[in-house]
Amino acid sequence: MSVAKSKALLDQFKGWIVASVSLLLLSLVLVLGDIVAAFVYFSEKTSPLWVTLLGVAGALGVGLGFAGLFVLMAIAGWRSYRESKRVQIISPDREDRGNH
């Protein structure tokens, strides 16, 4: 007897997972670069515009990366919940019917 189980996430979502994690890691590198640049320009009264833009881009990227992963995990949770509520009717084997 074999039990067929469906996947919580389809294979088409693998690309989205890779994209979300890549965006998250790239954004964390941008935030790290922004922190380093902030320390370099700490003694000046104003920091250059690119330092501010780097921080904004990093913060947006981190937010989008986590939002993408959250949406994917919400989809996986919903599909898993729906799968757990599904009822499968198994008919008895012919051999079992003859013994009773």
N, C-alpha and C. Protein backbone atom coordinates (compact mmCIF):
# COMPACT_ATOMS: atom_id res chain seq x y z
N MET A 1 0.85 -1.17 0.00
CA MET A 1 0.00 0.00 0.00
C MET A 1 0.89 1.24 0.00
N SER A 2 0.64 2.13 -0.91
CA SER A 2 1.42 3.36 -0.97
C SER A 2 0.51 4.55 -0.75
N VAL A 3 1.04 5.52 -0.08
CA VAL A 3 0.29 6.73 0.21
C VAL A 3 0.90 7.85 -0.62
N ALA A 4 0.08 8.49 -1.41
CA ALA A 4 0.54 9.60 -2.24
C ALA A 4 0.35 10.90 -1.47
N LYS A 5 1.43 11.62 -1.29
CA LYS A 5 1.36 12.90 -0.59
C LYS A 5 1.71 14.00 -1.58
N SER A 6 1.01 15.09 -1.49
CA SER A 6 1.33 16.23 -2.34
C SER A 6 2.36 17.11 -1.63
N LYS A 7 3.05 17.89 -2.42
CA LYS A 7 4.05 18.79 -1.87
C LYS A 7 3.37 20.06 -1.37
N ALA A 8 3.91 20.63 -0.31
CA ALA A 8 3.36 21.89 0.20
C ALA A 8 3.67 23.03 -0.78
N LEU A 9 4.85 23.01 -1.36
CA LEU A 9 5.22 24.01 -2.37
C LEU A 9 5.52 23.29 -3.67
N LEU A 10 4.97 23.80 -4.73
CA LEU A 10 5.21 23.22 -6.04
C LEU A 10 6.64 23.53 -6.50
N ASP A 11 7.09 22.80 -7.49
CA ASP A 11 8.45 23.01 -8.00
C ASP A 11 8.61 24.39 -8.64
N GLN A 12 7.52 24.99 -9.10
CA GLN A 12 7.61 26.31 -9.71
C GLN A 12 7.99 27.39 -8.69
N PHE A 13 7.80 27.12 -7.42
CA PHE A 13 8.12 28.11 -6.39
C PHE A 13 9.61 28.13 -6.02
N LYS A 14 10.36 27.15 -6.48
CA LYS A 14 11.79 27.10 -6.13
C LYS A 14 12.52 28.35 -6.63
N GLY A 15 12.17 28.81 -7.81
CA GLY A 15 12.78 30.03 -8.34
C GLY A 15 12.47 31.25 -7.49
N TRP A 16 11.23 31.32 -6.98
CA TRP A 16 10.85 32.43 -6.13
C TRP A 16 11.59 32.38 -4.80
N ILE A 17 11.82 31.19 -4.27
CA ILE A 17 12.58 31.06 -3.02
C ILE A 17 14.00 31.54 -3.23
N VAL A 18 14.61 31.10 -4.32
CA VAL A 18 15.99 31.52 -4.62
C VAL A 18 16.05 33.03 -4.81
N ALA A 19 15.06 33.61 -5.51
CA ALA A 19 15.05 35.06 -5.72
C ALA A 19 14.89 35.81 -4.41
N SER A 20 14.01 35.34 -3.52
CA SER A 20 13.80 36.02 -2.24
C SER A 20 15.05 35.97 -1.36
N VAL A 21 15.65 34.80 -1.29
CA VAL A 21 16.86 34.66 -0.46
C VAL A 21 18.01 35.47 -1.06
N SER A 22 18.13 35.47 -2.39
CA SER A 22 19.20 36.26 -3.02
C SER A 22 19.00 37.75 -2.77
N LEU A 23 17.76 38.22 -2.90
CA LEU A 23 17.46 39.63 -2.63
C LEU A 23 17.77 39.97 -1.18
N LEU A 24 17.42 39.06 -0.29
CA LEU A 24 17.68 39.30 1.13
C LEU A 24 19.18 39.39 1.42
N LEU A 25 19.95 38.47 0.87
CA LEU A 25 21.39 38.48 1.10
C LEU A 25 22.05 39.71 0.47
N LEU A 26 21.65 40.06 -0.75
CA LEU A 26 22.21 41.24 -1.40
C LEU A 26 21.87 42.51 -0.60
N SER A 27 20.66 42.57 -0.09
CA SER A 27 20.25 43.73 0.70
C SER A 27 21.00 43.82 2.01
N LEU A 28 21.27 42.68 2.61
CA LEU A 28 22.07 42.69 3.84
C LEU A 28 23.49 43.18 3.57
N VAL A 29 24.03 42.84 2.41
CA VAL A 29 25.36 43.35 2.03
C VAL A 29 25.29 44.87 1.83
N LEU A 30 24.20 45.36 1.22
CA LEU A 30 24.03 46.81 1.06
C LEU A 30 23.93 47.51 2.41
N VAL A 31 23.21 46.93 3.34
CA VAL A 31 23.09 47.52 4.68
C VAL A 31 24.45 47.53 5.37
N LEU A 32 25.20 46.44 5.22
CA LEU A 32 26.54 46.41 5.80
C LEU A 32 27.43 47.50 5.18
N GLY A 33 27.34 47.67 3.87
CA GLY A 33 28.09 48.74 3.21
C GLY A 33 27.66 50.11 3.69
N ASP A 34 26.39 50.27 3.94
CA ASP A 34 25.89 51.55 4.45
C ASP A 34 26.42 51.83 5.85
N ILE A 35 26.50 50.80 6.67
CA ILE A 35 27.04 50.97 8.03
C ILE A 35 28.50 51.37 7.98
N VAL A 36 29.25 50.70 7.11
CA VAL A 36 30.68 51.03 6.96
C VAL A 36 30.84 52.46 6.45
N ALA A 37 30.05 52.84 5.45
CA ALA A 37 30.13 54.20 4.91
C ALA A 37 29.72 55.24 5.96
N ALA A 38 28.76 54.90 6.80
CA ALA A 38 28.35 55.83 7.85
C ALA A 38 29.49 56.06 8.84
N PHE A 39 30.25 55.02 9.13
CA PHE A 39 31.40 55.21 10.02
C PHE A 39 32.51 56.01 9.35
N VAL A 40 32.70 55.83 8.04
CA VAL A 40 33.74 56.58 7.33
C VAL A 40 33.41 58.07 7.31
N TYR A 41 32.14 58.40 7.07
CA TYR A 41 31.73 59.80 6.99
C TYR A 41 31.16 60.31 8.31
N PHE A 42 31.46 59.66 9.42
CA PHE A 42 30.91 60.04 10.72
C PHE A 42 31.39 61.41 11.17
N SER A 43 32.63 61.75 10.87
CA SER A 43 33.19 63.02 11.35
C SER A 43 32.66 64.22 10.57
N GLU A 44 32.13 64.00 9.37
CA GLU A 44 31.58 65.12 8.59
C GLU A 44 30.17 65.45 9.07
N LYS A 45 29.77 66.70 8.83
CA LYS A 45 28.44 67.13 9.27
C LYS A 45 27.32 66.47 8.46
N THR A 46 27.53 66.26 7.18
CA THR A 46 26.52 65.61 6.34
C THR A 46 27.17 64.45 5.60
N SER A 47 26.41 63.41 5.42
CA SER A 47 26.93 62.27 4.65
C SER A 47 26.50 62.44 3.19
N PRO A 48 27.26 61.86 2.29
CA PRO A 48 26.89 61.97 0.87
C PRO A 48 25.53 61.31 0.58
N LEU A 49 24.95 61.73 -0.52
CA LEU A 49 23.63 61.22 -0.90
C LEU A 49 23.66 59.71 -1.16
N TRP A 50 24.77 59.22 -1.69
CA TRP A 50 24.83 57.79 -2.02
C TRP A 50 24.77 56.92 -0.77
N VAL A 51 25.25 57.44 0.36
CA VAL A 51 25.19 56.67 1.61
C VAL A 51 23.72 56.53 2.05
N THR A 52 22.97 57.61 1.92
CA THR A 52 21.55 57.56 2.27
C THR A 52 20.79 56.64 1.33
N LEU A 53 21.06 56.76 0.03
CA LEU A 53 20.39 55.90 -0.95
C LEU A 53 20.75 54.43 -0.76
N LEU A 54 21.98 54.17 -0.38
CA LEU A 54 22.41 52.79 -0.11
C LEU A 54 21.64 52.22 1.07
N GLY A 55 21.44 53.03 2.10
CA GLY A 55 20.68 52.57 3.25
C GLY A 55 19.21 52.33 2.93
N VAL A 56 18.63 53.23 2.13
CA VAL A 56 17.23 53.07 1.75
C VAL A 56 17.06 51.83 0.89
N ALA A 57 17.95 51.63 -0.09
CA ALA A 57 17.87 50.45 -0.95
C ALA A 57 18.05 49.17 -0.14
N GLY A 58 18.96 49.18 0.80
CA GLY A 58 19.17 48.01 1.65
C GLY A 58 17.96 47.70 2.51
N ALA A 59 17.36 48.74 3.09
CA ALA A 59 16.18 48.52 3.93
C ALA A 59 15.00 48.02 3.12
N LEU A 60 14.78 48.59 1.92
CA LEU A 60 13.70 48.12 1.05
C LEU A 60 13.93 46.68 0.62
N GLY A 61 15.16 46.36 0.29
CA GLY A 61 15.48 44.99 -0.14
C GLY A 61 15.27 43.97 0.96
N VAL A 62 15.67 44.32 2.18
CA VAL A 62 15.46 43.41 3.31
C VAL A 62 13.96 43.21 3.53
N GLY A 63 13.20 44.29 3.46
CA GLY A 63 11.75 44.17 3.63
C GLY A 63 11.11 43.32 2.54
N LEU A 64 11.50 43.54 1.29
CA LEU A 64 10.94 42.75 0.19
C LEU A 64 11.37 41.29 0.25
N GLY A 65 12.62 41.05 0.66
CA GLY A 65 13.10 39.67 0.78
C GLY A 65 12.33 38.89 1.84
N PHE A 66 12.14 39.51 3.00
CA PHE A 66 11.37 38.85 4.05
C PHE A 66 9.90 38.72 3.67
N ALA A 67 9.35 39.72 2.99
CA ALA A 67 7.95 39.65 2.56
C ALA A 67 7.76 38.51 1.56
N GLY A 68 8.70 38.35 0.64
CA GLY A 68 8.61 37.26 -0.32
C GLY A 68 8.65 35.90 0.35
N LEU A 69 9.56 35.74 1.30
CA LEU A 69 9.63 34.47 2.03
C LEU A 69 8.37 34.24 2.86
N PHE A 70 7.84 35.30 3.45
CA PHE A 70 6.61 35.16 4.24
C PHE A 70 5.45 34.71 3.37
N VAL A 71 5.31 35.31 2.18
CA VAL A 71 4.22 34.93 1.28
C VAL A 71 4.38 33.47 0.85
N LEU A 72 5.59 33.05 0.52
CA LEU A 72 5.81 31.66 0.13
C LEU A 72 5.51 30.69 1.26
N MET A 73 5.89 31.03 2.47
CA MET A 73 5.60 30.15 3.60
C MET A 73 4.10 30.15 3.93
N ALA A 74 3.43 31.28 3.72
CA ALA A 74 1.98 31.33 3.93
C ALA A 74 1.27 30.44 2.91
N ILE A 75 1.73 30.45 1.66
CA ILE A 75 1.16 29.58 0.64
C ILE A 75 1.39 28.12 1.01
N ALA A 76 2.60 27.79 1.46
CA ALA A 76 2.90 26.41 1.84
C ALA A 76 2.04 25.98 3.03
N GLY A 77 1.85 26.86 3.99
CA GLY A 77 1.01 26.54 5.14
C GLY A 77 -0.44 26.32 4.75
N TRP A 78 -0.95 27.16 3.86
CA TRP A 78 -2.33 27.02 3.41
C TRP A 78 -2.52 25.71 2.64
N ARG A 79 -1.57 25.39 1.76
CA ARG A 79 -1.68 24.14 1.00
C ARG A 79 -1.58 22.94 1.93
N SER A 80 -0.72 23.01 2.93
CA SER A 80 -0.59 21.91 3.89
C SER A 80 -1.86 21.77 4.72
N TYR A 81 -2.45 22.89 5.11
CA TYR A 81 -3.70 22.85 5.88
C TYR A 81 -4.82 22.23 5.05
N ARG A 82 -4.94 22.63 3.81
CA ARG A 82 -5.96 22.06 2.93
C ARG A 82 -5.73 20.57 2.72
N GLU A 83 -4.49 20.16 2.60
CA GLU A 83 -4.17 18.74 2.40
C GLU A 83 -4.53 17.93 3.65
N SER A 84 -4.34 18.51 4.83
CA SER A 84 -4.64 17.77 6.05
C SER A 84 -6.14 17.58 6.24
N LYS A 85 -6.95 18.46 5.66
CA LYS A 85 -8.40 18.36 5.79
C LYS A 85 -9.03 17.45 4.73
N ARG A 86 -8.23 17.03 3.76
CA ARG A 86 -8.76 16.18 2.70
C ARG A 86 -8.99 14.77 3.22
N VAL A 87 -10.10 14.19 2.87
CA VAL A 87 -10.46 12.84 3.32
C VAL A 87 -10.26 11.88 2.15
N GLN A 88 -9.62 10.79 2.43
CA GLN A 88 -9.41 9.77 1.41
C GLN A 88 -10.19 8.52 1.80
N ILE A 89 -11.02 8.04 0.91
CA ILE A 89 -11.81 6.84 1.16
C ILE A 89 -11.08 5.66 0.55
N ILE A 90 -10.78 4.67 1.38
CA ILE A 90 -10.06 3.49 0.93
C ILE A 90 -11.03 2.32 0.97
N SER A 91 -11.25 1.73 -0.19
CA SER A 91 -12.16 0.59 -0.24
C SER A 91 -11.42 -0.66 0.23
N PRO A 92 -12.13 -1.58 0.88
CA PRO A 92 -11.46 -2.79 1.36
C PRO A 92 -11.03 -3.68 0.20
N ASP A 93 -9.99 -4.44 0.44
CA ASP A 93 -9.51 -5.36 -0.59
C ASP A 93 -10.51 -6.49 -0.78
N ARG A 94 -10.46 -7.15 -1.93
CA ARG A 94 -11.38 -8.25 -2.21
C ARG A 94 -11.12 -9.44 -1.28
N GLU A 95 -9.88 -9.62 -0.89
CA GLU A 95 -9.54 -10.74 0.01
C GLU A 95 -10.16 -10.54 1.38
N ASP A 96 -10.19 -9.29 1.87
CA ASP A 96 -10.76 -9.01 3.18
C ASP A 96 -12.26 -9.25 3.19
N ARG A 97 -12.95 -9.01 2.10
CA ARG A 97 -14.40 -9.18 2.03
C ARG A 97 -14.76 -10.67 2.09
N GLY A 98 -13.93 -11.51 1.56
CA GLY A 98 -14.23 -12.93 1.53
C GLY A 98 -14.06 -13.59 2.90
N ASN A 99 -13.24 -13.03 3.77
CA ASN A 99 -13.00 -13.63 5.08
C ASN A 99 -14.10 -13.34 6.08
N HIS A 100 -14.90 -12.34 5.87
CA HIS A 100 -15.92 -11.94 6.86
C HIS A 100 -17.24 -12.52 6.57
